[in-house]
Amino acid sequence: MSIEQLLEEKQQFHNIDDLIQKAAANNGELAGIAFADDRFVREAEAKGLIKVREADGWSMHDTIHLTHYSRMKAGLPPIIRRPSATSVHAISAFTARLFGKSSTNS
């Protein structure tokens, strides 16, 4: 595939709302070549509506993610991160110490 073909496949956005709608239709994420160079992508990022992860030398695909505010505005569910096992253990140990139950008591 030539560079000309790759650039022809680049998805064009007509405005910021079009960008948000296309990302929302794809579960809040878009990936493609040279998205970070698009004028509307830069404007939306400056307004805090999206986050852009630029391509590294390996993948050559820029990735666009909707921010939490944009996800809610587009009607998508929020992304809820699960706590790690270490943080759950630390919270339970703190709660046990708070109520006077020590793990050393037998």
Protein backbone atom coordinates (compact mmCIF):
# COMPACT_ATOMS: atom_id res chain seq x y z
CA MET A 1 0.00 0.00 0.00
CA SER A 2 1.45 3.34 -1.01
CA ILE A 3 1.55 6.51 1.07
CA GLU A 4 -1.00 8.12 -1.25
CA GLN A 5 -3.49 5.34 -0.52
CA LEU A 6 -2.90 5.69 3.22
CA LEU A 7 -3.56 9.42 3.09
CA GLU A 8 -6.72 8.89 1.02
CA GLU A 9 -8.05 6.58 3.74
CA LYS A 10 -7.67 9.37 6.29
CA GLN A 11 -11.07 10.13 7.76
CA GLN A 12 -12.04 13.77 7.36
CA PHE A 13 -14.14 15.55 9.97
CA HIS A 14 -16.44 18.39 8.93
CA ASN A 15 -16.62 19.98 12.38
CA ILE A 16 -16.14 19.18 16.07
CA ASP A 17 -19.68 17.81 16.43
CA ASP A 18 -19.03 15.42 13.54
CA LEU A 19 -15.85 14.25 15.27
CA ILE A 20 -17.69 13.68 18.58
CA GLN A 21 -20.53 11.81 16.83
CA LYS A 22 -18.16 9.51 14.95
CA ALA A 23 -16.23 8.76 18.14
CA ALA A 24 -19.46 8.13 20.07
CA ALA A 25 -20.67 5.74 17.36
CA ASN A 26 -17.43 3.80 17.83
CA ASN A 27 -17.80 3.44 21.63
CA GLY A 28 -15.87 6.64 22.39
CA GLU A 29 -12.68 5.84 20.49
CA LEU A 30 -11.30 6.42 17.00
CA ALA A 31 -8.01 5.28 15.57
CA GLY A 32 -6.48 6.30 12.28
CA ILE A 33 -3.52 7.72 10.47
CA ALA A 34 -2.71 11.41 10.99
CA PHE A 35 -5.78 12.21 13.12
CA ALA A 36 -3.66 14.43 15.35
CA ASP A 37 -2.94 16.72 12.39
CA ASP A 38 -6.63 17.40 11.71
CA ARG A 39 -7.73 20.96 12.49
CA PHE A 40 -10.96 19.92 14.23
CA VAL A 41 -9.13 17.32 16.33
CA ARG A 42 -6.72 20.00 17.57
CA GLU A 43 -9.61 22.38 18.35
CA ALA A 44 -11.56 19.71 20.23
CA GLU A 45 -8.46 18.76 22.22
CA ALA A 46 -7.84 22.42 23.11
CA LYS A 47 -11.44 22.66 24.38
CA GLY A 48 -10.97 19.53 26.51
CA LEU A 49 -13.55 17.43 24.63
CA ILE A 50 -11.16 14.68 23.56
CA LYS A 51 -7.79 13.20 24.42
CA VAL A 52 -5.39 12.37 21.61
CA ARG A 53 -2.68 9.76 21.84
CA GLU A 54 -0.33 10.34 18.94
CA ALA A 55 1.12 7.44 17.03
CA ASP A 56 4.42 5.97 17.96
CA GLY A 57 6.89 4.75 15.37
CA TRP A 58 5.55 1.23 15.64
CA SER A 59 1.79 1.54 15.11
CA MET A 60 1.48 4.77 13.09
CA HIS A 61 -2.14 5.16 14.28
CA ASP A 62 -3.33 8.14 16.30
CA THR A 63 -6.04 7.32 18.83
CA ILE A 64 -8.79 9.69 19.91
CA HIS A 65 -10.68 9.11 23.19
CA LEU A 66 -13.68 11.08 24.38
CA THR A 67 -13.25 12.74 27.78
CA HIS A 68 -15.67 11.89 30.61
CA TYR A 69 -17.72 15.03 29.89
CA SER A 70 -17.96 14.22 26.18
CA ARG A 71 -18.94 10.62 26.90
CA MET A 72 -21.83 11.79 29.11
CA LYS A 73 -22.89 14.41 26.55
CA ALA A 74 -22.88 11.76 23.79
CA GLY A 75 -24.95 9.39 25.93
CA LEU A 76 -22.21 6.82 26.49
CA PRO A 77 -21.74 5.19 29.89
CA PRO A 78 -18.84 6.47 32.00
CA ILE A 79 -15.65 4.48 32.22
CA ILE A 80 -15.32 3.12 35.75
CA ARG A 81 -11.93 1.84 36.69
CA ARG A 82 -11.81 -1.19 38.97
CA PRO A 83 -9.62 -0.91 42.04
CA SER A 84 -6.50 -3.03 42.09
CA ALA A 85 -6.09 -5.87 44.59
CA THR A 86 -3.36 -3.90 46.40
CA SER A 87 -5.61 -0.90 46.97
CA VAL A 88 -8.48 -3.12 48.15
CA HIS A 89 -6.15 -4.80 50.65
CA ALA A 90 -4.84 -1.44 51.88
CA ILE A 91 -8.37 -0.10 52.38
CA SER A 92 -9.49 -3.21 54.25
CA ALA A 93 -6.37 -3.11 56.48
CA PHE A 94 -6.97 0.58 57.22
CA THR A 95 -10.63 -0.08 58.05
CA ALA A 96 -9.68 -2.96 60.35
CA ARG A 97 -7.16 -0.76 62.20
CA LEU A 98 -9.69 2.05 62.39
CA PHE A 99 -12.18 -0.14 64.24
CA GLY A 100 -9.55 -1.67 66.51
CA LYS A 101 -9.23 -5.06 64.89
CA SER A 102 -5.60 -5.84 64.42
CA SER A 103 -4.37 -8.77 62.36
CA THR A 104 -1.89 -9.55 65.18
CA ASN A 105 -4.66 -10.22 67.75
CA SER A 106 -5.45 -13.89 68.10
